[in-house]
Amino acid sequence: MASVTLSDLRKEYGDLTAVDGLSLDVDDGELLCLLGPSGCGKSTTLRMLGGLETPTDGDVHIGGEPVTDQPPYERNTSMVFQSWALFPHKSVLENVAFGLKMDGVGSEEREERAREMLDVVEMESFADHDPTDLSGGQKQRVALARSLAIEPDVLLLDEPLSNLDKRLREQMQLELRNIHDAVETTFVHVTHDQNEAFTLADSIAIMNDGEIEQVGAPREVYDDPVSLFIEEFLGDTNLVDATVASVTDDGVVADTAFDADIDVRTGDAAVSEGDALTISFRPEELDVSPASAADGGAAVASEPATALTGDITDVLYRGSSVRFYVDIAGESLFFEQSVGADTGFEVGDTVEVSWNPSDLLAFAGDGERVGRGGE
């Protein structure tokens, strides 16, 4: 195992800046996921860590030692790619032992270590099989065993599960988590799939446009995002335009597109009356109940509003859940319920949507979170 430190990494391709001043620390033995949309620079970052790309600027340290100018074969890292890249003319065991052979390890020792790694990934019984006879998930396990067999200080994974179907991908996520716990090696895993990152990671580094926006435990980055980008990227939410109507002791009162004022608990927010905001209503934070049709589109009970009424306009079946869209004063808002809940809501029903003001998040015009952490 080894820690990883990336300091002010920058990678330019002509006029294109793929990674822009990125700094990141990965603890010894940690499983960190680099998460972000396609083209954000996460794979380029991983390749600079592995020595497959040379930084335009910045430094890479592994285990406290500078490796920025070292070629890949001088770094004790190993990489698992999207493509399994198994040799079709070699057995599964020979594929796993290949890296050890290139390192000059004797035949008896490399066979023993290859079998140990196949046992770790639960593929030991397939040692003598032809790789072309394996399923996608089995091939991925063999590729993983091959990378682990050389006992790298850091294992780099570049979206290794992206070629698998949904069921197998979810199964392999759990297997990969268990394998990390078993081998106690530092993993840096690149993915664009937030569910995969939440399942696997000790910590998540969220990238956007060549930079890291936030690093933290999965629950932390979901519950306490620093920016509107992260709030939108992690899960689904309702985003509503608003304007600061007044600043209070514990937040702001915002005039919203619902034609109602909303109380948002932001702490000592550095905003002024008239500032533009975007308010996030996470669907899981909303409480919904039947309401009188006479109240449609109106604030309920209090001002600023903590509840509004509106009419259900669409119902979308999503397998295990149902999504309901509600029209409130011309603004669409959705909530979700489990199929088993069987609330009986239908298109045309008038409902009351309520929330706790402390569950709402507000973002300024530049996308930064307003009053994050109540500070």
Protein backbone atom coordinates (compact mmCIF):
# COMPACT_ATOMS: atom_id res chain seq x y z
CA MET A 1 0.00 0.00 0.00
CA ALA A 2 1.00 3.61 -0.45
CA SER A 3 -0.45 7.09 -0.20
CA VAL A 4 -0.86 9.28 -3.28
CA THR A 5 -0.35 13.04 -3.54
CA LEU A 6 -1.12 15.02 -6.68
CA SER A 7 0.03 18.64 -6.50
CA ASP A 8 -1.14 21.35 -8.92
CA LEU A 9 -1.37 18.90 -11.83
CA ARG A 10 -1.99 20.43 -15.21
CA LYS A 11 -2.29 18.72 -18.58
CA GLU A 12 -2.58 20.60 -21.84
CA TYR A 13 -3.14 19.24 -25.33
CA GLY A 14 -2.42 22.21 -27.55
CA ASP A 15 -5.10 24.79 -26.77
CA LEU A 16 -7.13 22.31 -24.71
CA THR A 17 -6.58 22.15 -20.95
CA ALA A 18 -7.75 18.71 -19.81
CA VAL A 19 -6.64 19.04 -16.16
CA ASP A 20 -6.23 22.44 -14.58
CA GLY A 21 -4.23 22.81 -11.33
CA LEU A 22 -5.57 19.66 -9.65
CA SER A 23 -4.41 18.72 -6.15
CA LEU A 24 -5.53 15.56 -4.34
CA ASP A 25 -4.43 13.35 -1.44
CA VAL A 26 -5.30 9.64 -1.24
CA ASP A 27 -4.60 7.90 2.06
CA ASP A 28 -2.67 4.64 2.33
CA GLY A 29 -5.13 1.78 1.76
CA GLU A 30 -8.01 4.06 0.77
CA LEU A 31 -10.46 3.37 -2.06
CA LEU A 32 -11.02 6.74 -3.70
CA CYS A 33 -13.35 7.28 -6.65
CA LEU A 34 -12.71 10.04 -9.16
CA LEU A 35 -16.27 10.87 -10.20
CA GLY A 36 -17.41 13.22 -12.92
CA PRO A 37 -19.07 13.54 -16.32
CA SER A 38 -17.42 12.45 -19.54
CA GLY A 39 -14.64 14.80 -20.61
CA CYS A 40 -14.01 16.29 -17.17
CA GLY A 41 -10.37 15.05 -17.03
CA LYS A 42 -10.67 12.13 -14.62
CA SER A 43 -9.10 9.50 -16.91
CA THR A 44 -6.31 11.92 -17.85
CA THR A 45 -5.63 12.41 -14.14
CA LEU A 46 -5.47 8.65 -13.62
CA ARG A 47 -3.09 8.24 -16.56
CA MET A 48 -0.77 10.91 -15.15
CA LEU A 49 -0.80 9.05 -11.85
CA GLY A 50 0.15 5.83 -13.64
CA GLY A 51 2.81 7.45 -15.80
CA LEU A 52 0.96 6.97 -19.09
CA GLU A 53 0.71 10.74 -19.52
CA THR A 54 3.31 13.35 -18.60
CA PRO A 55 1.95 16.38 -16.74
CA THR A 56 2.41 19.75 -18.37
CA ASP A 57 2.96 21.03 -14.86
CA GLY A 58 2.68 19.75 -11.29
CA ASP A 59 3.94 16.78 -9.28
CA VAL A 60 2.97 13.19 -8.49
CA HIS A 61 4.09 11.46 -5.29
CA ILE A 62 3.45 7.81 -4.42
CA GLY A 63 4.32 6.66 -0.94
CA GLY A 64 5.90 10.03 -0.30
CA GLU A 65 8.37 9.58 -3.19
CA PRO A 66 8.37 11.83 -6.29
CA VAL A 67 7.51 9.84 -9.43
CA THR A 68 6.47 12.62 -11.82
CA ASP A 69 9.32 11.91 -14.25
CA GLN A 70 9.35 8.13 -13.86
CA PRO A 71 8.03 5.91 -16.68
CA PRO A 72 5.16 3.52 -15.85
CA TYR A 73 7.40 0.47 -15.41
CA GLU A 74 9.35 2.21 -12.64
CA ARG A 75 6.22 3.00 -10.61
CA ASN A 76 4.73 0.22 -8.53
CA THR A 77 1.27 0.78 -9.93
CA SER A 78 -1.02 -1.36 -12.03
CA MET A 79 -4.00 -0.36 -14.14
CA VAL A 80 -7.27 -2.07 -15.03
CA PHE A 81 -8.86 -0.64 -18.18
CA GLN A 82 -12.35 -0.70 -19.67
CA SER A 83 -11.11 -3.33 -22.12
CA TRP A 84 -10.10 -6.58 -20.45
CA ALA A 85 -7.19 -7.09 -22.91
CA LEU A 86 -6.75 -10.79 -22.06
CA PHE A 87 -4.51 -12.92 -24.24
CA PRO A 88 -6.84 -15.35 -26.05
CA HIS A 89 -4.04 -17.88 -26.68
CA LYS A 90 -3.11 -18.12 -22.99
CA SER A 91 -5.02 -19.82 -20.19
CA VAL A 92 -6.62 -17.81 -17.41
CA LEU A 93 -3.73 -18.74 -15.10
CA GLU A 94 -1.14 -17.71 -17.69
CA ASN A 95 -2.91 -14.38 -18.17
CA VAL A 96 -2.80 -13.65 -14.45
CA ALA A 97 0.86 -14.70 -14.21
CA PHE A 98 1.95 -12.67 -17.25
CA GLY A 99 3.01 -9.54 -15.37
CA LEU A 100 4.99 -11.64 -12.90
CA LYS A 101 6.76 -13.35 -15.79
CA MET A 102 7.73 -9.97 -17.23
CA ASP A 103 9.12 -9.05 -13.80
CA GLY A 104 11.36 -12.13 -13.87
CA VAL A 105 9.52 -14.08 -11.15
CA GLY A 106 10.27 -17.81 -11.23
CA SER A 107 7.67 -20.18 -12.64
CA GLU A 108 6.72 -21.85 -9.33
CA GLU A 109 6.36 -18.56 -7.44
CA ARG A 110 4.38 -16.84 -10.19
CA GLU A 111 1.98 -19.79 -10.48
CA GLU A 112 1.45 -19.75 -6.71
CA ARG A 113 0.80 -16.01 -6.63
CA ALA A 114 -1.44 -16.18 -9.70
CA ARG A 115 -3.55 -18.89 -8.07
CA GLU A 116 -3.74 -16.84 -4.87
CA MET A 117 -5.13 -13.87 -6.80
CA LEU A 118 -7.57 -16.06 -8.71
CA ASP A 119 -8.78 -17.33 -5.36
CA VAL A 120 -9.24 -13.74 -4.12
CA VAL A 121 -11.48 -12.94 -7.12
CA GLU A 122 -13.21 -16.36 -6.84
CA MET A 123 -11.92 -17.59 -10.21
CA GLU A 124 -9.45 -20.27 -9.09
CA SER A 125 -11.56 -23.07 -10.59
CA PHE A 126 -11.22 -21.40 -14.01
CA ALA A 127 -7.40 -21.39 -13.99
CA ASP A 128 -7.06 -23.73 -16.95
CA HIS A 129 -9.90 -22.25 -18.99
CA ASP A 130 -9.63 -20.32 -22.23
CA PRO A 131 -10.46 -16.61 -21.59
CA THR A 132 -12.72 -16.56 -24.66
CA ASP A 133 -15.06 -18.97 -22.87
CA LEU A 134 -15.63 -16.61 -19.94
CA SER A 135 -18.48 -14.18 -19.34
CA GLY A 136 -17.88 -10.45 -19.18
CA GLY A 137 -17.86 -10.43 -15.38
CA GLN A 138 -15.46 -13.36 -15.25
CA LYS A 139 -13.10 -11.66 -17.71
CA GLN A 140 -13.16 -8.54 -15.55
CA ARG A 141 -12.21 -10.57 -12.49
CA VAL A 142 -9.31 -12.15 -14.36
CA ALA A 143 -8.07 -8.72 -15.48
CA LEU A 144 -8.31 -7.55 -11.88
CA ALA A 145 -6.41 -10.61 -10.61
CA ARG A 146 -3.68 -9.98 -13.20
CA SER A 147 -3.23 -6.41 -11.97
CA LEU A 148 -3.21 -7.46 -8.31
CA ALA A 149 -0.77 -10.33 -8.84
CA ILE A 150 2.21 -7.98 -9.19
CA GLU A 151 1.35 -6.55 -5.74
CA PRO A 152 1.14 -2.88 -6.75
CA ASP A 153 1.34 -0.11 -4.20
CA VAL A 154 -1.59 1.54 -5.98
CA LEU A 155 -4.20 -0.09 -8.21
CA LEU A 156 -5.68 2.23 -10.85
CA LEU A 157 -9.06 1.41 -12.33
CA ASP A 158 -10.32 3.29 -15.40
CA GLU A 159 -14.07 2.61 -15.59
CA PRO A 160 -13.47 -1.16 -15.54
CA LEU A 161 -17.16 -2.03 -15.12
CA SER A 162 -18.58 0.15 -17.89
CA ASN A 163 -18.81 -2.72 -20.41
CA LEU A 164 -20.99 -4.86 -18.12
CA ASP A 165 -24.76 -4.94 -18.04
CA LYS A 166 -26.59 -3.37 -15.09
CA ARG A 167 -27.09 -6.51 -13.00
CA LEU A 168 -23.53 -7.73 -13.47
CA ARG A 169 -22.10 -4.25 -12.93
CA GLU A 170 -23.86 -3.96 -9.57
CA GLN A 171 -22.65 -7.43 -8.58
CA MET A 172 -19.07 -6.56 -9.53
CA GLN A 173 -19.24 -3.32 -7.54
CA LEU A 174 -19.84 -5.33 -4.37
CA GLU A 175 -17.15 -7.84 -5.35
CA LEU A 176 -14.64 -5.06 -5.99
CA ARG A 177 -15.40 -3.52 -2.59
CA ASN A 178 -14.81 -6.92 -0.94
CA ILE A 179 -11.60 -7.46 -2.91
CA HIS A 180 -10.26 -4.09 -1.79
CA ASP A 181 -10.97 -4.97 1.82
CA ALA A 182 -9.22 -8.33 1.37
CA VAL A 183 -6.01 -7.12 -0.30
CA GLU A 184 -5.72 -3.78 1.56
CA THR A 185 -4.22 -2.01 -1.46
CA THR A 186 -4.75 1.65 -2.29
CA PHE A 187 -7.33 1.90 -5.09
CA VAL A 188 -8.03 4.93 -7.30
CA HIS A 189 -11.15 4.21 -9.33
CA VAL A 190 -12.46 6.39 -12.17
CA THR A 191 -16.18 6.37 -12.96
CA HIS A 192 -18.97 8.59 -14.26
CA ASP A 193 -21.57 6.47 -12.43
CA GLN A 194 -22.54 8.06 -9.12
CA ASN A 195 -24.18 4.86 -7.83
CA GLU A 196 -20.95 2.99 -8.48
CA ALA A 197 -18.96 5.63 -6.59
CA PHE A 198 -21.40 5.56 -3.64
CA THR A 199 -21.18 1.75 -3.49
CA LEU A 200 -17.40 1.51 -3.70
CA ALA A 201 -15.75 4.56 -2.26
CA ASP A 202 -14.26 5.41 1.10
CA SER A 203 -14.13 8.92 -0.33
CA ILE A 204 -15.19 10.58 -3.58
CA ALA A 205 -13.40 13.33 -5.49
CA ILE A 206 -15.89 15.04 -7.80
CA MET A 207 -14.37 16.55 -10.93
CA ASN A 208 -15.75 19.18 -13.27
CA ASP A 209 -14.01 20.81 -16.22
CA GLY A 210 -10.52 19.66 -15.23
CA GLU A 211 -10.79 20.62 -11.57
CA ILE A 212 -11.86 18.95 -8.34
CA GLU A 213 -14.94 20.61 -6.85
CA GLN A 214 -15.26 18.58 -3.66
CA VAL A 215 -13.70 15.62 -1.84
CA GLY A 216 -15.47 13.75 0.94
CA ALA A 217 -17.23 10.61 2.09
CA PRO A 218 -20.20 9.58 -0.10
CA ARG A 219 -22.84 10.80 2.36
CA GLU A 220 -20.98 14.06 2.93
CA VAL A 221 -20.81 15.08 -0.73
CA TYR A 222 -24.48 14.16 -1.24
CA ASP A 223 -25.86 15.84 1.88
CA ASP A 224 -23.51 18.83 1.95
CA PRO A 225 -22.60 19.80 -1.65
CA VAL A 226 -20.47 22.90 -2.14
CA SER A 227 -21.88 23.83 -5.54
CA LEU A 228 -24.91 23.68 -7.79
CA PHE A 229 -22.98 21.41 -10.17
CA ILE A 230 -22.60 18.77 -7.47
CA GLU A 231 -26.22 19.12 -6.34
CA GLU A 232 -27.40 18.51 -9.93
CA PHE A 233 -24.86 15.77 -10.68
CA LEU A 234 -25.55 13.64 -7.60
CA GLY A 235 -29.06 12.30 -7.92
CA ASP A 236 -32.22 14.08 -9.00
CA THR A 237 -33.56 17.32 -7.58
CA ASN A 238 -36.01 20.13 -8.25
CA LEU A 239 -34.25 23.43 -9.02
CA VAL A 240 -36.37 26.55 -8.66
CA ASP A 241 -35.36 30.12 -9.57
CA ALA A 242 -35.72 32.65 -6.78
CA THR A 243 -34.69 36.12 -5.62
CA VAL A 244 -33.66 37.16 -2.12
CA ALA A 245 -36.62 39.05 -0.64
CA SER A 246 -35.02 39.58 2.77
CA VAL A 247 -32.14 38.33 4.92
CA THR A 248 -33.04 36.85 8.31
CA ASP A 249 -31.05 35.81 11.39
CA ASP A 250 -30.90 32.17 10.23
CA GLY A 251 -31.09 32.46 6.46
CA VAL A 252 -33.09 34.15 3.75
CA VAL A 253 -36.65 34.59 2.61
CA ALA A 254 -36.73 34.03 -1.13
CA ASP A 255 -39.37 35.08 -3.65
CA THR A 256 -39.76 32.02 -5.87
CA ALA A 257 -41.17 31.06 -9.23
CA PHE A 258 -44.04 29.47 -7.25
CA ASP A 259 -45.36 33.03 -6.64
CA ALA A 260 -44.69 32.45 -2.94
CA ASP A 261 -41.97 33.39 -0.46
CA ILE A 262 -39.88 30.48 0.84
CA ASP A 263 -37.83 30.35 4.04
CA VAL A 264 -34.36 28.84 3.46
CA ARG A 265 -32.13 28.21 6.48
CA THR A 266 -28.67 29.13 5.22
CA GLY A 267 -27.13 30.52 8.40
CA ASP A 268 -25.27 33.81 8.12
CA ALA A 269 -25.51 34.00 4.34
CA ALA A 270 -23.42 36.53 2.44
CA VAL A 271 -26.28 37.67 0.22
CA SER A 272 -28.31 40.83 -0.23
CA GLU A 273 -31.88 41.65 -1.16
CA GLY A 274 -32.42 41.25 -4.89
CA ASP A 275 -29.69 38.62 -5.38
CA ALA A 276 -30.60 35.73 -7.69
CA LEU A 277 -30.75 32.25 -6.15
CA THR A 278 -31.43 28.70 -7.21
CA ILE A 279 -33.22 26.65 -4.55
CA SER A 280 -32.98 22.85 -4.51
CA PHE A 281 -35.91 20.74 -3.34
CA ARG A 282 -34.71 17.14 -3.11
CA PRO A 283 -37.68 14.80 -3.79
CA GLU A 284 -36.86 12.62 -0.78
CA GLU A 285 -37.24 15.68 1.49
CA LEU A 286 -40.79 16.42 0.35
CA ASP A 287 -43.96 15.32 2.18
CA VAL A 288 -47.06 14.99 0.01
CA SER A 289 -50.69 14.56 1.01
CA PRO A 290 -54.11 15.12 -0.61
CA ALA A 291 -55.38 18.72 -0.59
CA SER A 292 -58.54 20.58 -1.45
CA ALA A 293 -58.81 21.53 -5.12
CA ALA A 294 -59.80 25.00 -4.01
CA ASP A 295 -56.30 25.57 -2.69
CA GLY A 296 -54.48 24.67 -5.92
CA GLY A 297 -51.35 26.71 -6.47
CA ALA A 298 -51.57 28.58 -3.18
CA ALA A 299 -49.31 28.79 -0.17
CA VAL A 300 -50.61 26.78 2.78
CA ALA A 301 -50.91 27.90 6.40
CA SER A 302 -47.85 30.10 6.78
CA GLU A 303 -45.86 32.91 5.25
CA PRO A 304 -43.07 32.36 4.30
CA ALA A 305 -44.50 29.12 2.92
CA THR A 306 -43.46 25.69 4.13
CA ALA A 307 -46.12 24.04 1.98
CA LEU A 308 -47.78 24.64 -1.38
CA THR A 309 -50.63 23.02 -3.25
CA GLY A 310 -50.74 22.05 -6.88
CA ASP A 311 -52.18 19.63 -9.39
CA ILE A 312 -50.55 16.37 -10.52
CA THR A 313 -49.93 16.64 -14.26
CA ASP A 314 -47.95 13.49 -15.03
CA VAL A 315 -47.26 10.10 -13.46
CA LEU A 316 -44.13 8.23 -14.52
CA TYR A 317 -43.71 4.57 -13.57
CA ARG A 318 -40.02 3.82 -12.89
CA GLY A 319 -40.06 0.19 -11.80
CA SER A 320 -39.59 0.21 -8.03
CA SER A 321 -40.84 3.80 -7.72
CA VAL A 322 -43.36 6.17 -9.25
CA ARG A 323 -42.53 9.79 -10.07
CA PHE A 324 -45.30 12.37 -9.83
CA TYR A 325 -45.08 15.82 -11.46
CA VAL A 326 -46.99 18.64 -9.79
CA ASP A 327 -47.86 22.00 -11.33
CA ILE A 328 -47.59 24.80 -8.77
CA ALA A 329 -48.38 28.23 -10.18
CA GLY A 330 -46.98 27.16 -13.54
CA GLU A 331 -43.75 25.72 -12.08
CA SER A 332 -43.20 21.94 -12.29
CA LEU A 333 -42.00 20.02 -9.23
CA PHE A 334 -41.66 16.25 -8.85
CA PHE A 335 -41.73 13.82 -5.95
CA GLU A 336 -41.30 10.05 -5.86
CA GLN A 337 -42.91 7.25 -3.91
CA SER A 338 -42.31 3.53 -3.65
CA VAL A 339 -44.58 1.37 -5.75
CA GLY A 340 -45.54 -0.45 -2.55
CA ALA A 341 -46.76 2.78 -0.95
CA ASP A 342 -49.84 2.76 -3.25
CA THR A 343 -50.99 6.27 -2.35
CA GLY A 344 -53.50 6.31 -5.17
CA PHE A 345 -52.39 9.68 -6.54
CA GLU A 346 -53.50 10.21 -10.14
CA VAL A 347 -53.26 12.86 -12.82
CA GLY A 348 -55.57 15.74 -11.91
CA ASP A 349 -55.35 15.22 -8.13
CA THR A 350 -54.64 18.28 -6.01
CA VAL A 351 -51.90 17.67 -3.44
CA GLU A 352 -50.16 19.56 -0.68
CA VAL A 353 -46.36 19.50 -0.91
CA SER A 354 -44.55 20.42 2.30
CA TRP A 355 -40.97 20.51 3.54
CA ASN A 356 -38.68 21.51 6.39
CA PRO A 357 -36.90 24.81 5.56
CA SER A 358 -33.62 23.41 6.90
CA ASP A 359 -33.71 20.69 4.20
CA LEU A 360 -33.63 23.21 1.34
CA LEU A 361 -30.33 24.26 -0.23
CA ALA A 362 -29.70 27.60 -1.93
CA PHE A 363 -27.08 28.43 -4.55
CA ALA A 364 -25.87 31.84 -5.70
CA GLY A 365 -25.68 33.02 -9.29
CA ASP A 366 -22.08 31.77 -9.61
CA GLY A 367 -23.16 28.27 -8.56
CA GLU A 368 -21.61 28.41 -5.10
CA ARG A 369 -23.60 27.13 -2.14
CA VAL A 370 -25.08 29.91 0.01
CA GLY A 371 -24.19 29.67 3.69
CA ARG A 372 -22.78 26.14 3.49
CA GLY A 373 -22.64 24.48 6.88
CA GLY A 374 -24.70 27.26 8.42
CA GLU A 375 -21.66 29.54 8.54
